Protein backbone atom coordinates (compact mmCIF):
# COMPACT_ATOMS: atom_id res chain seq x y z
CA MET A 1 21.67 44.69 6.66
CA THR A 2 19.40 44.28 10.25
CA SER A 3 15.67 44.48 10.01
CA ASN A 4 15.16 47.91 11.32
CA SER A 5 17.22 49.44 8.66
CA ARG A 6 15.17 48.17 5.93
CA ARG A 7 13.02 50.92 4.42
CA THR A 8 9.52 50.39 2.70
CA VAL A 9 8.65 53.30 -0.48
CA VAL A 10 4.87 55.05 0.67
CA ARG A 11 3.00 57.50 -0.69
CA ASN A 12 -0.58 59.74 0.42
CA ASP A 13 -3.79 60.14 -1.31
CA GLU A 14 -1.59 63.76 -3.20
CA GLN A 15 1.06 61.77 -3.84
CA GLN A 16 3.52 62.83 -1.94
CA TYR A 17 5.88 60.22 -0.97
CA SER A 18 8.37 59.29 1.81
CA ILE A 19 10.11 55.99 3.14
CA TRP A 20 9.15 53.89 6.46
CA PRO A 21 10.68 51.68 8.09
CA LEU A 22 9.13 47.95 7.09
CA GLY A 23 7.31 46.57 9.15
CA ARG A 24 5.88 49.35 11.62
CA ASP A 25 2.48 50.41 11.03
CA LEU A 26 1.74 53.11 8.56
CA PRO A 27 -0.09 56.53 9.22
CA PRO A 28 -3.10 57.02 8.05
CA GLY A 29 -3.78 57.83 4.82
CA TRP A 30 -0.30 56.58 3.62
CA ALA A 31 0.34 53.31 2.08
CA GLU A 32 3.07 50.94 0.32
CA VAL A 33 3.69 50.93 -3.12
CA GLY A 34 6.32 47.74 -3.16
CA ILE A 35 9.57 49.17 -3.00
CA SER A 36 12.03 48.52 -0.24
CA GLY A 37 15.56 48.38 0.52
CA SER A 38 18.21 50.45 2.21
CA GLU A 39 17.22 53.59 2.72
CA GLU A 40 19.88 55.39 0.08
CA ASP A 41 17.37 52.58 -2.37
CA CYS A 42 14.46 53.85 -1.27
CA LEU A 43 15.46 57.33 -1.72
CA GLU A 44 17.20 56.70 -5.51
CA TYR A 45 13.46 55.33 -6.14
CA ILE A 46 11.57 58.34 -4.93
CA GLU A 47 14.06 60.70 -6.38
CA ARG A 48 13.45 59.16 -10.11
CA THR A 49 9.80 58.53 -9.83
CA TRP A 50 8.48 61.55 -7.74
CA THR A 51 9.06 64.22 -10.14
CA ASP A 52 6.55 67.00 -9.99
CA LEU A 53 6.27 67.73 -6.58
CA ARG A 54 2.91 69.47 -6.40
CA PRO A 55 0.54 67.86 -4.17
CA LEU A 56 -2.17 66.43 -6.21
CA SER A 57 -5.47 68.43 -5.72
CA LEU A 58 -2.74 71.54 -6.78
CA ARG A 59 -2.00 69.95 -10.13
CA ARG A 60 -5.41 69.03 -10.83
CA THR A 61 -6.66 73.13 -9.71
CA LEU A 62 -4.22 73.75 -11.71
CA THR A 63 -5.19 71.15 -15.09
CA ALA A 64 -8.88 72.61 -14.26
CA ALA A 65 -7.96 76.02 -14.76
CA ASP A 66 -5.63 75.74 -17.62
CA GLU A 67 -8.53 74.05 -19.52
CA GLN A 68 -11.26 76.99 -18.71
């Protein structure tokens, strides 16, 4: 595996996931979650982990509305 084929899993403040080339500067608002490897490995992790695709702000809004 070449270094430019390695990826890292990243997540933004809305708890949305993506993959990013390992070693490249991340876009603003994104942070590594500590998982890296092949694109396939990273995508498998995201599929297992990101089970609610709604942004965090929407989930919070809906939870607050349900509590009223």
